[in-house]
Amino acid sequence: MATVRIPGALRAQVGGVSTLEVDGATVQEVLDGLASQHPGIRGRLLDDGGQLRRFVNVFVDDEDIRHRDGLHTPVEPGQRVSILPAVAGG
C-alpha cells in the first residue's frame, strides 16, 4: 500500500482527510484505487482521455512522475504518492 497525500484543495472529494492508504503497483493503479474509493476525485485529477491534467503534479516520494514513467511509474509498498495542484502567481 502507498500513502497518498491529498492537498487541501481536493480534500472535500475524499471526506476531508489529508492522507489515504491505497493499493497499486503503479501511479495509475493508485489513482484508480483512489477514484474507486472516492469517485468525485477522478475528474479533478484526470482528463477525459485518462491522462493526468496539466495543472496536477504527482510525486512518488520526492520524484515528479513526469520525469519518470508518468502514470506507469512504479509504486512500491510504503512509498508516498503526493498530489499537488500547480500554483501560479506573480
N, C-alpha and C. Protein backbone atom coordinates (compact mmCIF):
# COMPACT_ATOMS: atom_id res chain seq x y z
N MET A 1 0.83 -1.19 0.00
CA MET A 1 0.00 0.00 0.00
C MET A 1 0.87 1.24 0.00
N ALA A 2 0.38 2.25 -0.69
CA ALA A 2 1.05 3.54 -0.71
C ALA A 2 0.25 4.52 0.13
N THR A 3 0.95 5.48 0.69
CA THR A 3 0.29 6.57 1.40
C THR A 3 0.11 7.69 0.40
N VAL A 4 -1.14 8.07 0.15
CA VAL A 4 -1.44 9.14 -0.80
C VAL A 4 -1.73 10.41 -0.01
N ARG A 5 -0.95 11.44 -0.29
CA ARG A 5 -1.13 12.73 0.37
C ARG A 5 -2.06 13.58 -0.48
N ILE A 6 -3.14 14.06 0.12
CA ILE A 6 -4.18 14.81 -0.57
C ILE A 6 -4.04 16.29 -0.21
N PRO A 7 -3.94 17.17 -1.22
CA PRO A 7 -3.83 18.61 -0.92
C PRO A 7 -5.18 19.16 -0.43
N GLY A 8 -5.12 20.27 0.25
CA GLY A 8 -6.33 20.89 0.80
C GLY A 8 -7.41 21.13 -0.24
N ALA A 9 -7.02 21.51 -1.44
CA ALA A 9 -8.00 21.80 -2.50
C ALA A 9 -8.80 20.58 -2.93
N LEU A 10 -8.32 19.38 -2.64
CA LEU A 10 -9.01 18.16 -3.06
C LEU A 10 -9.60 17.37 -1.90
N ARG A 11 -9.43 17.84 -0.70
CA ARG A 11 -9.87 17.06 0.47
C ARG A 11 -11.38 16.90 0.54
N ALA A 12 -12.14 17.84 0.00
CA ALA A 12 -13.60 17.70 0.02
C ALA A 12 -14.04 16.46 -0.75
N GLN A 13 -13.28 16.07 -1.77
CA GLN A 13 -13.62 14.90 -2.58
C GLN A 13 -13.30 13.58 -1.87
N VAL A 14 -12.51 13.64 -0.79
CA VAL A 14 -12.11 12.42 -0.08
C VAL A 14 -12.54 12.45 1.39
N GLY A 15 -13.57 13.19 1.69
CA GLY A 15 -14.08 13.21 3.05
C GLY A 15 -13.27 14.04 4.02
N GLY A 16 -12.44 14.93 3.52
CA GLY A 16 -11.70 15.85 4.37
C GLY A 16 -10.38 15.35 4.92
N VAL A 17 -9.97 14.15 4.55
CA VAL A 17 -8.72 13.61 5.10
C VAL A 17 -7.51 14.11 4.32
N SER A 18 -6.36 14.10 4.94
CA SER A 18 -5.14 14.56 4.29
C SER A 18 -4.30 13.43 3.71
N THR A 19 -4.51 12.20 4.19
CA THR A 19 -3.79 11.04 3.65
C THR A 19 -4.74 9.84 3.59
N LEU A 20 -4.44 8.96 2.65
CA LEU A 20 -5.19 7.71 2.49
C LEU A 20 -4.20 6.62 2.15
N GLU A 21 -4.51 5.40 2.53
CA GLU A 21 -3.71 4.24 2.14
C GLU A 21 -4.42 3.60 0.95
N VAL A 22 -3.67 3.43 -0.16
CA VAL A 22 -4.25 2.91 -1.39
C VAL A 22 -3.31 1.87 -1.99
N ASP A 23 -3.88 0.76 -2.44
CA ASP A 23 -3.10 -0.29 -3.12
C ASP A 23 -2.84 0.10 -4.57
N GLY A 24 -1.72 -0.35 -5.10
CA GLY A 24 -1.41 -0.17 -6.51
C GLY A 24 0.08 -0.32 -6.75
N ALA A 25 0.42 -0.95 -7.88
CA ALA A 25 1.83 -1.16 -8.24
C ALA A 25 2.38 -0.04 -9.10
N THR A 26 1.47 0.79 -9.66
CA THR A 26 1.89 1.96 -10.46
C THR A 26 1.06 3.15 -10.00
N VAL A 27 1.47 4.34 -10.44
CA VAL A 27 0.71 5.54 -10.11
C VAL A 27 -0.71 5.41 -10.67
N GLN A 28 -0.85 4.89 -11.88
CA GLN A 28 -2.17 4.71 -12.48
C GLN A 28 -3.06 3.84 -11.58
N GLU A 29 -2.52 2.73 -11.09
CA GLU A 29 -3.29 1.85 -10.22
C GLU A 29 -3.65 2.52 -8.90
N VAL A 30 -2.74 3.30 -8.37
CA VAL A 30 -3.01 4.02 -7.13
C VAL A 30 -4.13 5.04 -7.35
N LEU A 31 -4.04 5.81 -8.44
CA LEU A 31 -5.08 6.80 -8.72
C LEU A 31 -6.42 6.13 -9.02
N ASP A 32 -6.40 4.99 -9.72
CA ASP A 32 -7.63 4.25 -9.98
C ASP A 32 -8.24 3.76 -8.67
N GLY A 33 -7.40 3.28 -7.76
CA GLY A 33 -7.88 2.83 -6.45
C GLY A 33 -8.47 3.98 -5.65
N LEU A 34 -7.80 5.12 -5.70
CA LEU A 34 -8.29 6.31 -5.02
C LEU A 34 -9.65 6.71 -5.58
N ALA A 35 -9.76 6.70 -6.92
CA ALA A 35 -11.01 7.10 -7.57
C ALA A 35 -12.13 6.09 -7.31
N SER A 36 -11.79 4.82 -7.15
CA SER A 36 -12.84 3.84 -6.86
C SER A 36 -13.38 4.03 -5.44
N GLN A 37 -12.54 4.49 -4.53
CA GLN A 37 -12.98 4.77 -3.16
C GLN A 37 -13.71 6.11 -3.07
N HIS A 38 -13.28 7.06 -3.92
CA HIS A 38 -13.80 8.44 -3.89
C HIS A 38 -14.01 8.91 -5.33
N PRO A 39 -15.12 8.50 -5.97
CA PRO A 39 -15.34 8.77 -7.39
C PRO A 39 -15.26 10.25 -7.80
N GLY A 40 -15.58 11.16 -6.91
CA GLY A 40 -15.56 12.58 -7.25
C GLY A 40 -14.19 13.14 -7.56
N ILE A 41 -13.14 12.43 -7.20
CA ILE A 41 -11.79 12.96 -7.39
C ILE A 41 -11.24 12.68 -8.79
N ARG A 42 -11.77 11.68 -9.49
CA ARG A 42 -11.23 11.30 -10.80
C ARG A 42 -11.18 12.49 -11.76
N GLY A 43 -12.28 13.21 -11.90
CA GLY A 43 -12.33 14.33 -12.83
C GLY A 43 -11.44 15.49 -12.45
N ARG A 44 -11.07 15.56 -11.20
CA ARG A 44 -10.15 16.62 -10.76
C ARG A 44 -8.70 16.29 -11.08
N LEU A 45 -8.39 14.99 -11.24
CA LEU A 45 -7.02 14.55 -11.48
C LEU A 45 -6.75 14.20 -12.95
N LEU A 46 -7.73 13.57 -13.59
CA LEU A 46 -7.52 13.04 -14.94
C LEU A 46 -8.48 13.69 -15.93
N ASP A 47 -8.02 13.85 -17.17
CA ASP A 47 -8.88 14.39 -18.21
C ASP A 47 -9.75 13.27 -18.79
N ASP A 48 -10.56 13.59 -19.80
CA ASP A 48 -11.46 12.60 -20.39
C ASP A 48 -10.73 11.44 -21.05
N GLY A 49 -9.49 11.66 -21.45
CA GLY A 49 -8.67 10.61 -22.06
C GLY A 49 -7.92 9.77 -21.04
N GLY A 50 -8.12 10.05 -19.75
CA GLY A 50 -7.44 9.29 -18.70
C GLY A 50 -6.03 9.75 -18.41
N GLN A 51 -5.63 10.89 -18.97
CA GLN A 51 -4.30 11.43 -18.72
C GLN A 51 -4.34 12.42 -17.56
N LEU A 52 -3.22 12.55 -16.89
CA LEU A 52 -3.12 13.48 -15.78
C LEU A 52 -3.33 14.91 -16.30
N ARG A 53 -4.16 15.67 -15.63
CA ARG A 53 -4.39 17.06 -16.03
C ARG A 53 -3.10 17.86 -15.92
N ARG A 54 -2.96 18.85 -16.81
CA ARG A 54 -1.73 19.66 -16.85
C ARG A 54 -1.41 20.34 -15.53
N PHE A 55 -2.42 20.75 -14.80
CA PHE A 55 -2.21 21.52 -13.57
C PHE A 55 -2.09 20.64 -12.32
N VAL A 56 -2.03 19.33 -12.51
CA VAL A 56 -1.87 18.41 -11.38
C VAL A 56 -0.49 17.78 -11.46
N ASN A 57 0.25 17.89 -10.39
CA ASN A 57 1.58 17.28 -10.29
C ASN A 57 1.50 16.11 -9.32
N VAL A 58 2.14 15.01 -9.69
CA VAL A 58 2.16 13.83 -8.82
C VAL A 58 3.61 13.43 -8.60
N PHE A 59 3.94 13.16 -7.36
CA PHE A 59 5.28 12.75 -6.98
C PHE A 59 5.23 11.40 -6.29
N VAL A 60 6.18 10.54 -6.58
CA VAL A 60 6.39 9.31 -5.82
C VAL A 60 7.61 9.57 -4.98
N ASP A 61 7.40 9.57 -3.68
CA ASP A 61 8.38 10.08 -2.73
C ASP A 61 8.70 11.51 -3.18
N ASP A 62 9.90 11.82 -3.60
CA ASP A 62 10.20 13.20 -3.99
C ASP A 62 10.44 13.36 -5.48
N GLU A 63 10.08 12.36 -6.29
CA GLU A 63 10.32 12.42 -7.73
C GLU A 63 9.04 12.68 -8.50
N ASP A 64 9.09 13.70 -9.37
CA ASP A 64 7.97 14.04 -10.23
C ASP A 64 7.79 12.92 -11.25
N ILE A 65 6.57 12.37 -11.35
CA ILE A 65 6.36 11.25 -12.26
C ILE A 65 6.51 11.66 -13.73
N ARG A 66 6.42 12.94 -14.03
CA ARG A 66 6.61 13.39 -15.41
C ARG A 66 8.06 13.22 -15.86
N HIS A 67 8.97 13.09 -14.91
CA HIS A 67 10.38 12.87 -15.23
C HIS A 67 10.74 11.39 -15.13
N ARG A 68 9.74 10.57 -14.88
CA ARG A 68 9.95 9.12 -14.82
C ARG A 68 9.09 8.47 -15.89
N ASP A 69 8.18 7.60 -15.51
CA ASP A 69 7.35 6.88 -16.47
C ASP A 69 5.90 7.36 -16.45
N GLY A 70 5.68 8.60 -16.03
CA GLY A 70 4.32 9.14 -15.99
C GLY A 70 3.42 8.28 -15.12
N LEU A 71 2.21 8.02 -15.61
CA LEU A 71 1.26 7.22 -14.84
C LEU A 71 1.72 5.78 -14.66
N HIS A 72 2.70 5.35 -15.45
CA HIS A 72 3.22 3.98 -15.34
C HIS A 72 4.39 3.88 -14.34
N THR A 73 4.70 4.97 -13.66
CA THR A 73 5.77 4.97 -12.66
C THR A 73 5.45 3.94 -11.57
N PRO A 74 6.39 3.05 -11.27
CA PRO A 74 6.16 2.05 -10.22
C PRO A 74 6.00 2.69 -8.85
N VAL A 75 5.17 2.05 -8.04
CA VAL A 75 4.98 2.46 -6.65
C VAL A 75 5.19 1.23 -5.78
N GLU A 76 6.19 1.29 -4.92
CA GLU A 76 6.49 0.19 -4.02
C GLU A 76 5.68 0.34 -2.74
N PRO A 77 5.35 -0.76 -2.07
CA PRO A 77 4.65 -0.67 -0.79
C PRO A 77 5.39 0.26 0.16
N GLY A 78 4.64 1.12 0.81
CA GLY A 78 5.22 2.05 1.77
C GLY A 78 5.67 3.37 1.18
N GLN A 79 5.69 3.49 -0.14
CA GLN A 79 6.08 4.76 -0.73
C GLN A 79 4.96 5.78 -0.57
N ARG A 80 5.34 7.04 -0.68
CA ARG A 80 4.40 8.15 -0.56
C ARG A 80 4.10 8.71 -1.94
N VAL A 81 2.82 8.82 -2.26
CA VAL A 81 2.38 9.44 -3.51
C VAL A 81 1.74 10.77 -3.12
N SER A 82 2.32 11.85 -3.61
CA SER A 82 1.81 13.19 -3.28
C SER A 82 1.16 13.81 -4.50
N ILE A 83 -0.04 14.31 -4.31
CA ILE A 83 -0.77 15.01 -5.37
C ILE A 83 -0.69 16.49 -5.04
N LEU A 84 -0.18 17.27 -5.99
CA LEU A 84 -0.02 18.70 -5.76
C LEU A 84 -0.59 19.48 -6.94
N PRO A 85 -1.57 20.35 -6.69
CA PRO A 85 -2.04 21.19 -7.78
C PRO A 85 -0.99 22.25 -8.10
N ALA A 86 -0.87 22.59 -9.38
CA ALA A 86 0.09 23.62 -9.78
C ALA A 86 -0.35 24.96 -9.18
N VAL A 87 0.63 25.78 -8.85
CA VAL A 87 0.37 27.08 -8.27
C VAL A 87 0.89 28.14 -9.22
N ALA A 88 0.08 29.13 -9.50
CA ALA A 88 0.50 30.22 -10.37
C ALA A 88 0.44 31.51 -9.56
N GLY A 89 1.23 32.43 -9.94
CA GLY A 89 1.22 33.71 -9.24
C GLY A 89 2.17 34.69 -9.91
N GLY A 90 2.21 35.81 -9.37
CA GLY A 90 3.09 36.78 -10.00
C GLY A 90 3.52 37.85 -9.06
